[in-house]
PDB file of N, CA and C in Angstrom:
ATOM      1  N   MET A   1     -30.261   2.424  -0.199  1.00  0.00           N
ATOM      2  CA  MET A   1     -31.877   2.309  -0.306  1.00  0.00           C
ATOM      3  C   MET A   1     -31.871   0.456  -0.163  1.00  0.00           C
ATOM      4  N   LEU A   2     -31.125   0.347  -1.530  1.00  0.00           N
ATOM      5  CA  LEU A   2     -31.147  -1.868  -1.779  1.00  0.00           C
ATOM      6  C   LEU A   2     -30.217  -2.347  -0.541  1.00  0.00           C
ATOM      7  N   THR A   3     -29.094  -1.719   0.075  1.00  0.00           N
ATOM      8  CA  THR A   3     -28.576  -2.715   0.771  1.00  0.00           C
ATOM      9  C   THR A   3     -29.157  -2.115   2.407  1.00  0.00           C
ATOM     10  N   LYS A   4     -29.687  -1.171   2.450  1.00  0.00           N
ATOM     11  CA  LYS A   4     -29.781  -1.371   3.748  1.00  0.00           C
ATOM     12  C   LYS A   4     -31.784  -1.226   3.678  1.00  0.00           C
ATOM     13  N   GLY A   5     -32.703  -1.537   2.791  1.00  0.00           N
ATOM     14  CA  GLY A   5     -33.616  -1.623   3.070  1.00  0.00           C
ATOM     15  C   GLY A   5     -34.479  -0.860   3.096  1.00  0.00           C
ATOM     16  N   GLU A   6     -34.083   0.592   3.164  1.00  0.00           N
ATOM     17  CA  GLU A   6     -34.987   1.664   3.454  1.00  0.00           C
ATOM     18  C   GLU A   6     -35.261   2.259   2.320  1.00  0.00           C
ATOM     19  N   ASP A   7     -36.436   2.932   2.532  1.00  0.00           N
ATOM     20  CA  ASP A   7     -37.209   3.704   1.090  1.00  0.00           C
ATOM     21  C   ASP A   7     -36.496   4.780   1.431  1.00  0.00           C
ATOM     22  N   TYR A   8     -36.604   5.094  -0.496  1.00  0.00           N
ATOM     23  CA  TYR A   8     -36.251   6.563  -0.465  1.00  0.00           C
ATOM     24  C   TYR A   8     -36.318   7.662   0.336  1.00  0.00           C
ATOM     25  N   LEU A   9     -35.664   8.451   0.991  1.00  0.00           N
ATOM     26  CA  LEU A   9     -35.958   9.335   1.600  1.00  0.00           C
ATOM     27  C   LEU A   9     -36.807  10.881   1.017  1.00  0.00           C
ATOM     28  N   TRP A  10     -37.125  11.209  -0.139  1.00  0.00           N
ATOM     29  CA  TRP A  10     -37.131  12.264  -0.716  1.00  0.00           C
ATOM     30  C   TRP A  10     -38.383  11.732  -1.545  1.00  0.00           C
ATOM     31  N   ALA A  11     -39.034  10.171  -1.070  1.00  0.00           N
ATOM     32  CA  ALA A  11     -40.584   9.954  -1.737  1.00  0.00           C
ATOM     33  C   ALA A  11     -41.420  10.803  -1.799  1.00  0.00           C
ATOM     34  N   ARG A  12     -42.174  10.892  -2.711  1.00  0.00           N
ATOM     35  CA  ARG A  12     -43.614  11.997  -2.976  1.00  0.00           C
ATOM     36  C   ARG A  12     -45.148  11.131  -2.094  1.00  0.00           C
ATOM     37  N   PRO A  13     -45.231  10.772  -1.128  1.00  0.00           N
ATOM     38  CA  PRO A  13     -45.845   9.968  -0.627  1.00  0.00           C
ATOM     39  C   PRO A  13     -47.382   9.627  -1.828  1.00  0.00           C
ATOM     40  N   ALA A  14     -47.917  10.598  -2.077  1.00  0.00           N
ATOM     41  CA  ALA A  14     -48.959  10.508  -2.703  1.00  0.00           C
ATOM     42  C   ALA A  14     -49.083  10.424  -4.212  1.00  0.00           C
ATOM     43  N   LEU A  15     -47.619  10.694  -5.045  1.00  0.00           N
ATOM     44  CA  LEU A  15     -47.556  10.363  -5.884  1.00  0.00           C
ATOM     45  C   LEU A  15     -46.663   8.456  -5.771  1.00  0.00           C
ATOM     46  N   VAL A  16     -46.287   8.139  -4.936  1.00  0.00           N
ATOM     47  CA  VAL A  16     -46.109   6.397  -4.506  1.00  0.00           C
ATOM     48  C   VAL A  16     -47.089   5.959  -4.301  1.00  0.00           C
ATOM     49  N   ALA A  17     -48.185   5.840  -3.725  1.00  0.00           N
ATOM     50  CA  ALA A  17     -48.927   5.753  -3.710  1.00  0.00           C
ATOM     51  C   ALA A  17     -50.460   5.322  -4.691  1.00  0.00           C
ATOM     52  N   ASN A  18     -50.055   6.720  -5.628  1.00  0.00           N
ATOM     53  CA  ASN A  18     -50.720   6.787  -7.115  1.00  0.00           C
ATOM     54  C   ASN A  18     -50.426   5.428  -7.528  1.00  0.00           C
ATOM     55  N   LYS A  19     -49.109   5.428  -7.994  1.00  0.00           N
ATOM     56  CA  LYS A  19     -48.218   4.580  -8.563  1.00  0.00           C
ATOM     57  C   LYS A  19     -48.649   3.186  -8.594  1.00  0.00           C
ATOM     58  N   THR A  20     -48.057   2.943  -7.096  1.00  0.00           N
ATOM     59  CA  THR A  20     -48.540   1.672  -6.444  1.00  0.00           C
ATOM     60  C   THR A  20     -50.095   1.145  -6.783  1.00  0.00           C
ATOM     61  N   ARG A  21     -50.536   1.915  -6.640  1.00  0.00           N
ATOM     62  CA  ARG A  21     -52.803   1.409  -6.484  1.00  0.00           C
ATOM     63  C   ARG A  21     -52.526   1.177  -8.147  1.00  0.00           C
ATOM     64  N   ALA A  22     -51.843   1.865  -9.743  1.00  0.00           N
ATOM     65  CA  ALA A  22     -51.559   1.891 -10.463  1.00  0.00           C
ATOM     66  C   ALA A  22     -51.410   0.504 -11.419  1.00  0.00           C
ATOM     67  N   MET A  23     -50.326  -0.044 -10.615  1.00  0.00           N
ATOM     68  CA  MET A  23     -49.492  -1.665 -10.773  1.00  0.00           C
ATOM     69  C   MET A  23     -50.592  -2.593 -10.128  1.00  0.00           C
ATOM     70  N   GLN A  24     -51.260  -2.038  -8.915  1.00  0.00           N
ATOM     71  CA  GLN A  24     -51.961  -3.125  -8.463  1.00  0.00           C
ATOM     72  C   GLN A  24     -53.519  -3.836  -9.407  1.00  0.00           C
ATOM     73  N   LEU A  25     -53.489  -2.215 -10.055  1.00  0.00           N
ATOM     74  CA  LEU A  25     -55.200  -2.425 -11.014  1.00  0.00           C
ATOM     75  C   LEU A  25     -54.491  -2.870 -12.777  1.00  0.00           C
ATOM     76  N   GLN A  26     -53.168  -2.363 -12.613  1.00  0.00           N
ATOM     77  CA  GLN A  26     -52.725  -3.604 -13.561  1.00  0.00           C
ATOM     78  C   GLN A  26     -52.318  -5.302 -13.199  1.00  0.00           C
ATOM     79  N   ALA A  27     -52.096  -5.490 -12.307  1.00  0.00           N
ATOM     80  CA  ALA A  27     -51.759  -6.819 -11.699  1.00  0.00           C
ATOM     81  C   ALA A  27     -52.717  -7.597 -11.677  1.00  0.00           C
ATOM     82  N   GLY A  28     -54.200  -6.624 -11.858  1.00  0.00           N
ATOM     83  CA  GLY A  28     -55.776  -7.756 -11.435  1.00  0.00           C
ATOM     84  C   GLY A  28     -55.861  -7.749 -10.100  1.00  0.00           C
ATOM     85  N   HIS A  29     -55.660  -6.762  -9.556  1.00  0.00           N
ATOM     86  CA  HIS A  29     -56.260  -6.544  -8.752  1.00  0.00           C
ATOM     87  C   HIS A  29     -57.645  -6.133  -8.337  1.00  0.00           C
ATOM     88  N   PRO A  30     -58.408  -5.961  -7.639  1.00  0.00           N
ATOM     89  CA  PRO A  30     -60.227  -5.734  -7.940  1.00  0.00           C
ATOM     90  C   PRO A  30     -60.001  -4.598  -7.616  1.00  0.00           C
ATOM     91  N   GLN A  31     -61.122  -3.548  -8.554  1.00  0.00           N
ATOM     92  CA  GLN A  31     -60.878  -2.148  -8.053  1.00  0.00           C
ATOM     93  C   GLN A  31     -61.915  -2.269  -6.214  1.00  0.00           C
ATOM     94  N   GLN A  32     -61.763  -0.804  -5.553  1.00  0.00           N
ATOM     95  CA  GLN A  32     -62.290  -0.679  -4.676  1.00  0.00           C
ATOM     96  C   GLN A  32     -63.545   0.451  -4.763  1.00  0.00           C
ATOM     97  N   LYS A  33     -64.804  -0.041  -4.865  1.00  0.00           N
ATOM     98  CA  LYS A  33     -65.994   0.590  -5.172  1.00  0.00           C
ATOM     99  C   LYS A  33     -66.399   1.207  -4.048  1.00  0.00           C
ATOM    100  N   GLY A  34     -67.265   1.999  -3.998  1.00  0.00           N
ATOM    101  CA  GLY A  34     -67.784   2.290  -2.360  1.00  0.00           C
ATOM    102  C   GLY A  34     -67.195   4.556  -2.191  1.00  0.00           C
ATOM    103  N   SER A  35     -67.923   4.520  -1.404  1.00  0.00           N
ATOM    104  CA  SER A  35     -67.491   6.453  -0.607  1.00  0.00           C
ATOM    105  C   SER A  35     -66.314   6.051   0.009  1.00  0.00           C
ATOM    106  N   ARG A  36     -65.796   5.130   0.425  1.00  0.00           N
ATOM    107  CA  ARG A  36     -64.657   5.340   1.109  1.00  0.00           C
ATOM    108  C   ARG A  36     -63.200   4.998   0.194  1.00  0.00           C
ATOM    109  N   ARG A  37     -62.400   6.462   0.693  1.00  0.00           N
ATOM    110  CA  ARG A  37     -61.501   6.471  -0.319  1.00  0.00           C
ATOM    111  C   ARG A  37     -60.272   6.413  -0.068  1.00  0.00           C
ATOM    112  N   GLY A  38     -59.328   5.753  -1.030  1.00  0.00           N
ATOM    113  CA  GLY A  38     -58.089   4.995  -0.642  1.00  0.00           C
ATOM    114  C   GLY A  38     -56.611   5.709  -0.496  1.00  0.00           C
ATOM    115  N   PRO A  39     -55.415   5.438  -0.234  1.00  0.00           N
ATOM    116  CA  PRO A  39     -54.590   6.399  -0.145  1.00  0.00           C
ATOM    117  C   PRO A  39     -53.553   7.140  -1.570  1.00  0.00           C
ATOM    118  N   ALA A  40     -54.273   6.556  -2.128  1.00  0.00           N
ATOM    119  CA  ALA A  40     -53.853   7.154  -3.764  1.00  0.00           C
ATOM    120  C   ALA A  40     -54.923   7.918  -4.377  1.00  0.00           C
ATOM    121  N   TYR A  41     -55.837   8.934  -3.350  1.00  0.00           N
ATOM    122  CA  TYR A  41     -56.808   9.774  -3.543  1.00  0.00           C
ATOM    123  C   TYR A  41     -55.980  11.001  -3.138  1.00  0.00           C
ATOM    124  N   ALA A  42     -55.068  10.944  -2.175  1.00  0.00           N
ATOM    125  CA  ALA A  42     -54.579  11.948  -2.258  1.00  0.00           C
ATOM    126  C   ALA A  42     -53.666  13.099  -3.262  1.00  0.00           C
ATOM    127  N   TYR A  43     -53.263  11.866  -3.970  1.00  0.00           N
ATOM    128  CA  TYR A  43     -52.903  12.505  -5.417  1.00  0.00           C
ATOM    129  C   TYR A  43     -53.417  13.558  -6.191  1.00  0.00           C
ATOM    130  N   ASN A  44     -54.915  13.277  -6.137  1.00  0.00           N
ATOM    131  CA  ASN A  44     -55.658  14.210  -6.699  1.00  0.00           C
ATOM    132  C   ASN A  44     -56.223  15.280  -6.704  1.00  0.00           C
ATOM    133  N   ILE A  45     -55.424  15.792  -4.805  1.00  0.00           N
ATOM    134  CA  ILE A  45     -55.553  17.079  -4.364  1.00  0.00           C
ATOM    135  C   ILE A  45     -54.661  17.761  -4.438  1.00  0.00           C
ATOM    136  N   LYS A  46     -54.458  19.019  -5.521  1.00  0.00           N
ATOM    137  CA  LYS A  46     -54.072  19.893  -6.146  1.00  0.00           C
ATOM    138  C   LYS A  46     -52.681  20.368  -5.355  1.00  0.00           C
ATOM    139  N   SER A  47     -53.292  20.868  -4.491  1.00  0.00           N
ATOM    140  CA  SER A  47     -52.576  22.059  -3.484  1.00  0.00           C
ATOM    141  C   SER A  47     -52.019  20.645  -2.570  1.00  0.00           C
ATOM    142  N   LEU A  48     -51.768  19.641  -2.389  1.00  0.00           N
ATOM    143  CA  LEU A  48     -51.295  18.578  -1.594  1.00  0.00           C
ATOM    144  C   LEU A  48     -49.971  18.058  -2.712  1.00  0.00           C
ATOM    145  N   ARG A  49     -50.196  17.825  -4.051  1.00  0.00           N
ATOM    146  CA  ARG A  49     -49.226  17.690  -4.870  1.00  0.00           C
ATOM    147  C   ARG A  49     -48.571  18.819  -4.905  1.00  0.00           C
ATOM    148  N   ASP A  50     -48.247  20.184  -5.196  1.00  0.00           N
ATOM    149  CA  ASP A  50     -47.672  21.159  -5.040  1.00  0.00           C
ATOM    150  C   ASP A  50     -47.293  21.356  -3.888  1.00  0.00           C
ATOM    151  N   ARG A  51     -47.519  20.981  -2.430  1.00  0.00           N
ATOM    152  CA  ARG A  51     -46.525  20.632  -1.585  1.00  0.00           C
ATOM    153  C   ARG A  51     -45.197  19.972  -2.164  1.00  0.00           C
ATOM    154  N   GLU A  52     -45.798  18.671  -2.117  1.00  0.00           N
ATOM    155  CA  GLU A  52     -44.780  17.503  -2.457  1.00  0.00           C
ATOM    156  C   GLU A  52     -43.879  18.265  -3.487  1.00  0.00           C
ATOM    157  N   MET A  53     -44.636  18.490  -4.492  1.00  0.00           N
ATOM    158  CA  MET A  53     -43.687  19.513  -5.601  1.00  0.00           C
ATOM    159  C   MET A  53     -42.751  20.065  -4.606  1.00  0.00           C
ATOM    160  N   LEU A  54     -43.215  21.013  -4.414  1.00  0.00           N
ATOM    161  CA  LEU A  54     -41.871  22.064  -3.491  1.00  0.00           C
ATOM    162  C   LEU A  54     -41.274  21.300  -2.718  1.00  0.00           C
ATOM    163  N   ILE A  55     -41.605  20.461  -1.915  1.00  0.00           N
ATOM    164  CA  ILE A  55     -40.698  20.020  -0.689  1.00  0.00           C
ATOM    165  C   ILE A  55     -39.556  18.856  -1.862  1.00  0.00           C
ATOM    166  N   ALA A  56     -39.862  17.947  -2.493  1.00  0.00           N
ATOM    167  CA  ALA A  56     -39.203  17.647  -3.801  1.00  0.00           C
ATOM    168  C   ALA A  56     -37.721  18.339  -4.337  1.00  0.00           C
ATOM    169  N   ALA A  57     -38.836  19.862  -4.594  1.00  0.00           N
ATOM    170  CA  ALA A  57     -37.497  20.621  -5.443  1.00  0.00           C
ATOM    171  C   ALA A  57     -36.673  21.664  -4.077  1.00  0.00           C
ATOM    172  N   GLN A  58     -36.967  21.758  -3.072  1.00  0.00           N
ATOM    173  CA  GLN A  58     -36.078  21.933  -1.640  1.00  0.00           C
ATOM    174  C   GLN A  58     -34.956  20.465  -1.952  1.00  0.00           C
ATOM    175  N   ALA A  59     -35.334  19.452  -1.436  1.00  0.00           N
ATOM    176  CA  ALA A  59     -34.154  18.446  -1.700  1.00  0.00           C
ATOM    177  C   ALA A  59     -33.475  18.485  -2.230  1.00  0.00           C
ATOM    178  N   GLU A  60     -33.762  18.614  -3.768  1.00  0.00           N
ATOM    179  CA  GLU A  60     -33.190  18.471  -4.801  1.00  0.00           C
ATOM    180  C   GLU A  60     -31.841  19.479  -4.692  1.00  0.00           C
ATOM    181  N   GLN A  61     -32.222  20.769  -4.441  1.00  0.00           N
ATOM    182  CA  GLN A  61     -31.336  21.921  -4.545  1.00  0.00           C
ATOM    183  C   GLN A  61     -30.600  21.370  -3.290  1.00  0.00           C
ATOM    184  N   SER A  62     -31.310  20.945  -2.137  1.00  0.00           N
ATOM    185  CA  SER A  62     -30.158  20.650  -1.094  1.00  0.00           C
ATOM    186  C   SER A  62     -28.986  20.175  -1.140  1.00  0.00           C
ATOM    187  N   TYR A  63     -29.798  18.411  -2.042  1.00  0.00           N
ATOM    188  CA  TYR A  63     -28.821  17.755  -2.597  1.00  0.00           C
ATOM    189  C   TYR A  63     -27.716  18.106  -3.627  1.00  0.00           C
ATOM    190  N   GLU A  64     -27.917  19.012  -4.530  1.00  0.00           N
ATOM    191  CA  GLU A  64     -27.338  19.769  -5.434  1.00  0.00           C
ATOM    192  C   GLU A  64     -26.286  20.313  -4.881  1.00  0.00           C
ATOM    193  N   ARG A  65     -26.315  21.158  -3.712  1.00  0.00           N
ATOM    194  CA  ARG A  65     -25.390  22.189  -2.865  1.00  0.00           C
ATOM    195  C   ARG A  65     -24.963  20.941  -2.326  1.00  0.00           C
ATOM    196  N   PHE A  66     -24.993  20.127  -1.460  1.00  0.00           N
ATOM    197  CA  PHE A  66     -24.111  19.569  -1.135  1.00  0.00           C
ATOM    198  C   PHE A  66     -23.079  18.245  -1.640  1.00  0.00           C
ATOM    199  N   VAL A  67     -24.246  18.111  -3.442  1.00  0.00           N
ATOM    200  CA  VAL A  67     -22.660  17.180  -3.828  1.00  0.00           C
ATOM    201  C   VAL A  67     -21.782  18.143  -4.486  1.00  0.00           C
ATOM    202  N   SER A  68     -22.491  19.498  -4.624  1.00  0.00           N
ATOM    203  CA  SER A  68     -21.291  20.929  -5.285  1.00  0.00           C
ATOM    204  C   SER A  68     -19.964  20.398  -4.236  1.00  0.00           C
ATOM    205  N   GLN A  69     -20.527  20.465  -2.935  1.00  0.00           N
ATOM    206  CA  GLN A  69     -18.650  20.720  -1.885  1.00  0.00           C
ATOM    207  C   GLN A  69     -18.579  19.648  -1.620  1.00  0.00           C
ATOM    208  N   TRP A  70     -18.606  18.550  -2.329  1.00  0.00           N
ATOM    209  CA  TRP A  70     -17.547  16.992  -2.071  1.00  0.00           C
ATOM    210  C   TRP A  70     -16.759  16.942  -2.435  1.00  0.00           C
ATOM    211  N   LYS A  71     -15.902  16.513  -1.678  1.00  0.00           N
ATOM    212  CA  LYS A  71     -13.910  16.665  -1.939  1.00  0.00           C
ATOM    213  C   LYS A  71     -13.485  14.693  -2.618  1.00  0.00           C
ATOM    214  N   SER A  72     -13.073  14.693  -3.446  1.00  0.00           N
ATOM    215  CA  SER A  72     -13.284  12.964  -2.880  1.00  0.00           C
ATOM    216  C   SER A  72     -11.373  12.742  -2.223  1.00  0.00           C
ATOM    217  N   ARG A  73     -11.527  11.167  -1.665  1.00  0.00           N
ATOM    218  CA  ARG A  73     -10.707  11.103  -1.171  1.00  0.00           C
ATOM    219  C   ARG A  73      -9.960  10.732  -1.603  1.00  0.00           C
ATOM    220  N   HIS A  74      -8.017  11.014  -1.692  1.00  0.00           N
ATOM    221  CA  HIS A  74      -7.050   9.619  -2.406  1.00  0.00           C
ATOM    222  C   HIS A  74      -7.067   8.143  -1.698  1.00  0.00           C
ATOM    223  N   PRO A  75      -6.497   7.840  -2.430  1.00  0.00           N
ATOM    224  CA  PRO A  75      -6.913   5.862  -2.314  1.00  0.00           C
ATOM    225  C   PRO A  75      -5.555   5.897  -0.971  1.00  0.00           C
ATOM    226  N   LYS A  76      -6.268   5.123  -0.391  1.00  0.00           N
ATOM    227  CA  LYS A  76      -5.352   4.459   0.674  1.00  0.00           C
ATOM    228  C   LYS A  76      -4.132   4.016  -0.070  1.00  0.00           C
ATOM    229  N   SER A  77      -2.907   4.397   1.189  1.00  0.00           N
ATOM    230  CA  SER A  77      -1.954   3.449   1.223  1.00  0.00           C
ATOM    231  C   SER A  77      -1.311   2.315   2.611  1.00  0.00           C
ATOM    232  N   GLY A  78      -0.688   1.593   2.349  1.00  0.00           N
ATOM    233  CA  GLY A  78      -0.261   1.153   3.592  1.00  0.00           C
ATOM    234  C   GLY A  78      -0.592   0.104   3.521  1.00  0.00           C
ATOM    235  N   ALA A  79      -0.560  -1.578   4.571  1.00  0.00           N
ATOM    236  CA  ALA A  79      -1.012  -2.701   4.756  1.00  0.00           C
ATOM    237  C   ALA A  79      -1.710  -3.218   4.421  1.00  0.00           C
ATOM    238  N   ARG A  80      -3.140  -2.120   5.206  1.00  0.00           N
ATOM    239  CA  ARG A  80      -4.072  -2.734   4.946  1.00  0.00           C
ATOM    240  C   ARG A  80      -4.747  -1.805   3.953  1.00  0.00           C
ATOM    241  N   ALA A  81      -4.403  -1.635   2.450  1.00  0.00           N
ATOM    242  CA  ALA A  81      -5.076  -0.524   1.756  1.00  0.00           C
ATOM    243  C   ALA A  81      -5.050  -2.064   0.695  1.00  0.00           C
ATOM    244  N   PRO A  82      -6.152  -2.155  -0.030  1.00  0.00           N
ATOM    245  CA  PRO A  82      -6.290  -3.147  -1.248  1.00  0.00           C
ATOM    246  C   PRO A  82      -5.240  -2.973  -1.997  1.00  0.00           C
ATOM    247  N   GLN A  83      -5.059  -4.632  -2.458  1.00  0.00           N
ATOM    248  CA  GLN A  83      -3.639  -4.038  -3.354  1.00  0.00           C
ATOM    249  C   GLN A  83      -4.490  -4.659  -4.625  1.00  0.00           C
ATOM    250  N   PHE A  84      -4.822  -3.880  -5.948  1.00  0.00           N
ATOM    251  CA  PHE A  84      -5.519  -4.191  -7.156  1.00  0.00           C
ATOM    252  C   PHE A  84      -4.288  -4.941  -8.104  1.00  0.00           C
ATOM    253  N   GLY A  85      -5.282  -6.077  -8.769  1.00  0.00           N
ATOM    254  CA  GLY A  85      -4.466  -6.398  -9.294  1.00  0.00           C
ATOM    255  C   GLY A  85      -3.159  -7.769  -9.306  1.00  0.00           C
ATOM    256  N   ARG A  86      -3.708  -7.551  -7.867  1.00  0.00           N
ATOM    257  CA  ARG A  86      -2.504  -9.026  -6.965  1.00  0.00           C
ATOM    258  C   ARG A  86      -3.158  -9.951  -6.533  1.00  0.00           C
ATOM    259  N   THR A  87      -2.579 -11.062  -6.569  1.00  0.00           N
ATOM    260  CA  THR A  87      -3.865 -12.212  -6.384  1.00  0.00           C
ATOM    261  C   THR A  87      -2.540 -13.112  -5.390  1.00  0.00           C
ATOM    262  N   LYS A  88      -3.404 -13.690  -4.019  1.00  0.00           N
ATOM    263  CA  LYS A  88      -3.228 -14.218  -3.443  1.00  0.00           C
ATOM    264  C   LYS A  88      -2.153 -15.348  -3.411  1.00  0.00           C
TER     265      LYS A  88
END
């Protein structure tokens, strides 16, 4: 995520918007008054929140299955393998 500049794949959009808005308010950004709802409002809708949590739980189960089948590789050997402890 950091090296490629990508967003977290399984982020919950309503939760992220809510946290981002809370940080903006703490940083001194003005409150947005009026009848127009911002993107953070979606977090107040329970059905949407529950759906996002269900998707996140399914993603976590999928990731756990992926990791449980993980097989480590043996270190490379040969001329192109990194030589640890040796200096040029």
